[in-house]
C-alpha atoms as a PDB file:
ATOM      1  CA  MET A   1      15.198  10.207  -4.093  1.00  0.00           C
ATOM      2  CA  GLY A   2      16.411   7.480  -1.763  1.00  0.00           C
ATOM      3  CA  PRO A   3      16.835   3.822  -2.597  1.00  0.00           C
ATOM      4  CA  ASN A   4      13.732   1.821  -3.430  1.00  0.00           C
ATOM      5  CA  VAL A   5      12.260  -0.531  -0.872  1.00  0.00           C
ATOM      6  CA  PRO A   6      14.101  -3.882  -1.057  1.00  0.00           C
ATOM      7  CA  LEU A   7      12.379  -6.622  -3.085  1.00  0.00           C
ATOM      8  CA  CYS A   8      10.069  -4.068  -4.736  1.00  0.00           C
ATOM      9  CA  PRO A   9       9.976  -2.896  -8.338  1.00  0.00           C
ATOM     10  CA  CYS A  10      11.088   0.601  -9.220  1.00  0.00           C
ATOM     11  CA  ILE A  11       8.515   3.240  -8.254  1.00  0.00           C
ATOM     12  CA  ALA A  12       7.871   5.672 -11.091  1.00  0.00           C
ATOM     13  CA  VAL A  13       4.872   7.721  -9.898  1.00  0.00           C
ATOM     14  CA  SER A  14       5.622  11.355  -9.097  1.00  0.00           C
ATOM     15  CA  GLY A  15       5.487  12.035  -5.359  1.00  0.00           C
ATOM     16  CA  HIS A  16       6.135   8.414  -4.384  1.00  0.00           C
ATOM     17  CA  ALA A  17       9.644   8.284  -2.938  1.00  0.00           C
ATOM     18  CA  GLY A  18       9.772   4.488  -2.675  1.00  0.00           C
ATOM     19  CA  ARG A  19      11.524   4.516   0.701  1.00  0.00           C
ATOM     20  CA  LEU A  20      11.074   2.429   3.834  1.00  0.00           C
ATOM     21  CA  VAL A  21      11.506   4.567   6.958  1.00  0.00           C
ATOM     22  CA  VAL A  22      11.801   2.784  10.307  1.00  0.00           C
ATOM     23  CA  GLY A  23      11.761   4.490  13.683  1.00  0.00           C
ATOM     24  CA  HIS A  24       9.662   5.216  16.749  1.00  0.00           C
ATOM     25  CA  LEU A  25       6.556   7.306  17.305  1.00  0.00           C
ATOM     26  CA  GLY A  26       6.980   7.930  21.007  1.00  0.00           C
ATOM     27  CA  SER A  27       7.737   4.464  22.340  1.00  0.00           C
ATOM     28  CA  VAL A  28       5.954   2.630  19.514  1.00  0.00           C
ATOM     29  CA  PRO A  29       8.097   1.146  16.733  1.00  0.00           C
ATOM     30  CA  VAL A  30       6.811   2.147  13.290  1.00  0.00           C
ATOM     31  CA  ALA A  31       7.612   1.385   9.670  1.00  0.00           C
ATOM     32  CA  VAL A  32       6.458   3.813   6.965  1.00  0.00           C
ATOM     33  CA  LEU A  33       6.416   3.080   3.259  1.00  0.00           C
ATOM     34  CA  GLN A  34       6.769   6.354   1.357  1.00  0.00           C
ATOM     35  CA  GLY A  35       4.998   5.543  -1.876  1.00  0.00           C
ATOM     36  CA  ARG A  36       4.100   2.399  -3.686  1.00  0.00           C
ATOM     37  CA  PHE A  37       3.858   0.911  -7.143  1.00  0.00           C
ATOM     38  CA  HIS A  38       0.596   0.260  -8.917  1.00  0.00           C
ATOM     39  CA  LEU A  39      -1.264  -2.227 -11.078  1.00  0.00           C
ATOM     40  CA  TYR A  40      -1.680   0.438 -13.769  1.00  0.00           C
ATOM     41  CA  GLU A  41       2.122   0.575 -14.084  1.00  0.00           C
ATOM     42  CA  GLY A  42       2.017  -3.019 -15.325  1.00  0.00           C
ATOM     43  CA  TYR A  43       2.862  -4.858 -12.093  1.00  0.00           C
ATOM     44  CA  SER A  44       0.968  -7.985 -11.088  1.00  0.00           C
ATOM     45  CA  PRO A  45      -1.260  -8.065  -7.992  1.00  0.00           C
ATOM     46  CA  GLN A  46       1.269 -10.415  -6.373  1.00  0.00           C
ATOM     47  CA  GLN A  47       4.056  -7.868  -6.921  1.00  0.00           C
ATOM     48  CA  VAL A  48       1.949  -4.973  -5.633  1.00  0.00           C
ATOM     49  CA  VAL A  49       1.286  -6.678  -2.270  1.00  0.00           C
ATOM     50  CA  THR A  50       4.964  -7.570  -1.681  1.00  0.00           C
ATOM     51  CA  PRO A  51       5.662  -4.593   0.638  1.00  0.00           C
ATOM     52  CA  ILE A  52       2.620  -5.345   2.814  1.00  0.00           C
ATOM     53  CA  ARG A  53       3.437  -9.036   3.035  1.00  0.00           C
ATOM     54  CA  THR A  54       7.050  -8.169   3.861  1.00  0.00           C
ATOM     55  CA  LEU A  55       5.898  -5.950   6.727  1.00  0.00           C
ATOM     56  CA  ARG A  56       3.738  -8.823   8.007  1.00  0.00           C
ATOM     57  CA  LEU A  57       6.717 -11.196   7.955  1.00  0.00           C
ATOM     58  CA  LEU A  58       8.654  -8.570   9.934  1.00  0.00           C
ATOM     59  CA  GLY A  59       6.001  -8.747  12.661  1.00  0.00           C
ATOM     60  CA  VAL A  60       3.697  -5.842  11.786  1.00  0.00           C
ATOM     61  CA  HIS A  61       0.191  -6.442  13.171  1.00  0.00           C
ATOM     62  CA  THR A  62      -1.476  -3.074  12.505  1.00  0.00           C
ATOM     63  CA  LEU A  63      -1.519  -1.377   9.120  1.00  0.00           C
ATOM     64  CA  VAL A  64      -2.702   2.166   8.452  1.00  0.00           C
ATOM     65  CA  LEU A  65      -3.291   2.991   4.799  1.00  0.00           C
ATOM     66  CA  THR A  66      -3.625   6.419   3.236  1.00  0.00           C
ATOM     67  CA  ASN A  67      -4.845   7.268  -0.210  1.00  0.00           C
ATOM     68  CA  ALA A  68      -5.085  10.243  -2.521  1.00  0.00           C
ATOM     69  CA  ALA A  69      -8.696  10.223  -3.694  1.00  0.00           C
ATOM     70  CA  GLY A  70     -10.891  12.620  -5.520  1.00  0.00           C
ATOM     71  CA  GLY A  71     -14.450  13.515  -4.708  1.00  0.00           C
ATOM     72  CA  LEU A  72     -17.494  14.896  -6.437  1.00  0.00           C
ATOM     73  CA  ARG A  73     -18.344  17.533  -3.826  1.00  0.00           C
ATOM     74  CA  PRO A  74     -17.149  21.004  -4.870  1.00  0.00           C
ATOM     75  CA  CYS A  75     -16.144  21.737  -1.250  1.00  0.00           C
ATOM     76  CA  PHE A  76     -13.417  19.032  -1.350  1.00  0.00           C
ATOM     77  CA  GLN A  77      -9.999  20.578  -1.891  1.00  0.00           C
ATOM     78  CA  PRO A  78      -6.522  18.974  -2.160  1.00  0.00           C
ATOM     79  CA  GLY A  79      -5.298  18.150   1.330  1.00  0.00           C
ATOM     80  CA  HIS A  80      -8.741  17.669   2.870  1.00  0.00           C
ATOM     81  CA  LEU A  81      -9.168  14.520   4.909  1.00  0.00           C
ATOM     82  CA  MET A  82     -12.085  12.223   4.191  1.00  0.00           C
ATOM     83  CA  VAL A  83     -13.203   8.763   5.196  1.00  0.00           C
ATOM     84  CA  ILE A  84     -13.776   6.280   2.390  1.00  0.00           C
ATOM     85  CA  LYS A  85     -16.410   3.793   3.519  1.00  0.00           C
ATOM     86  CA  ASP A  86     -16.531   1.714   0.363  1.00  0.00           C
ATOM     87  CA  HIS A  87     -15.154   1.524  -3.148  1.00  0.00           C
ATOM     88  CA  ILE A  88     -15.696  -0.311  -6.417  1.00  0.00           C
ATOM     89  CA  ASP A  89     -12.784  -2.652  -7.041  1.00  0.00           C
ATOM     90  CA  LEU A  90     -12.607  -2.437 -10.830  1.00  0.00           C
ATOM     91  CA  MET A  91      -9.354  -4.405 -10.955  1.00  0.00           C
ATOM     92  CA  GLY A  92     -10.929  -7.136  -8.806  1.00  0.00           C
ATOM     93  CA  LEU A  93     -13.898  -7.310 -11.155  1.00  0.00           C
ATOM     94  CA  SER A  94     -11.452  -8.071 -13.961  1.00  0.00           C
ATOM     95  CA  GLY A  95     -10.051 -11.048 -12.029  1.00  0.00           C
ATOM     96  CA  ARG A  96      -6.776  -9.340 -11.006  1.00  0.00           C
ATOM     97  CA  ASN A  97      -6.641 -10.031  -7.286  1.00  0.00           C
ATOM     98  CA  PRO A  98      -3.624 -10.723  -5.042  1.00  0.00           C
ATOM     99  CA  LEU A  99      -5.675 -13.255  -3.070  1.00  0.00           C
ATOM    100  CA  VAL A 100      -5.977 -15.635  -6.032  1.00  0.00           C
ATOM    101  CA  GLY A 101      -3.942 -18.790  -5.566  1.00  0.00           C
ATOM    102  CA  PRO A 102      -3.041 -21.085  -2.697  1.00  0.00           C
ATOM    103  CA  ASN A 103      -3.502 -19.818   0.858  1.00  0.00           C
ATOM    104  CA  ASP A 104      -0.254 -18.909   2.626  1.00  0.00           C
ATOM    105  CA  GLU A 105      -0.576 -19.292   6.408  1.00  0.00           C
ATOM    106  CA  ARG A 106       2.207 -16.705   6.972  1.00  0.00           C
ATOM    107  CA  TRP A 107      -0.325 -13.952   6.272  1.00  0.00           C
ATOM    108  CA  VAL A 108      -2.848 -15.189   8.868  1.00  0.00           C
ATOM    109  CA  ILE A 109      -3.044 -13.216  12.118  1.00  0.00           C
ATOM    110  CA  ASN A 110      -4.389 -15.231  15.034  1.00  0.00           C
END
């Protein structure tokens, strides 16, 4: 396992390497976060969004997120791609939200 992403807590979930890989996809510069840390590991919402906010401060304007999700359809198998159109934010319903607090204009994209 490589070094954890700077300014981020230690990633303990199996399969999450915790690395920042920077390079090019053709002529397009890309940054890939291999893994992340989670609220259920005891981190605060503000800590969990640190990597995304760091990428924004580095000039990233487009973010593509992936997710390992389960489904209720028997035809879904591990590795199948699906589109998630909506979700129930149970952590948000409990009041744990990274958007709580003063607005920081550094995160605004004009």
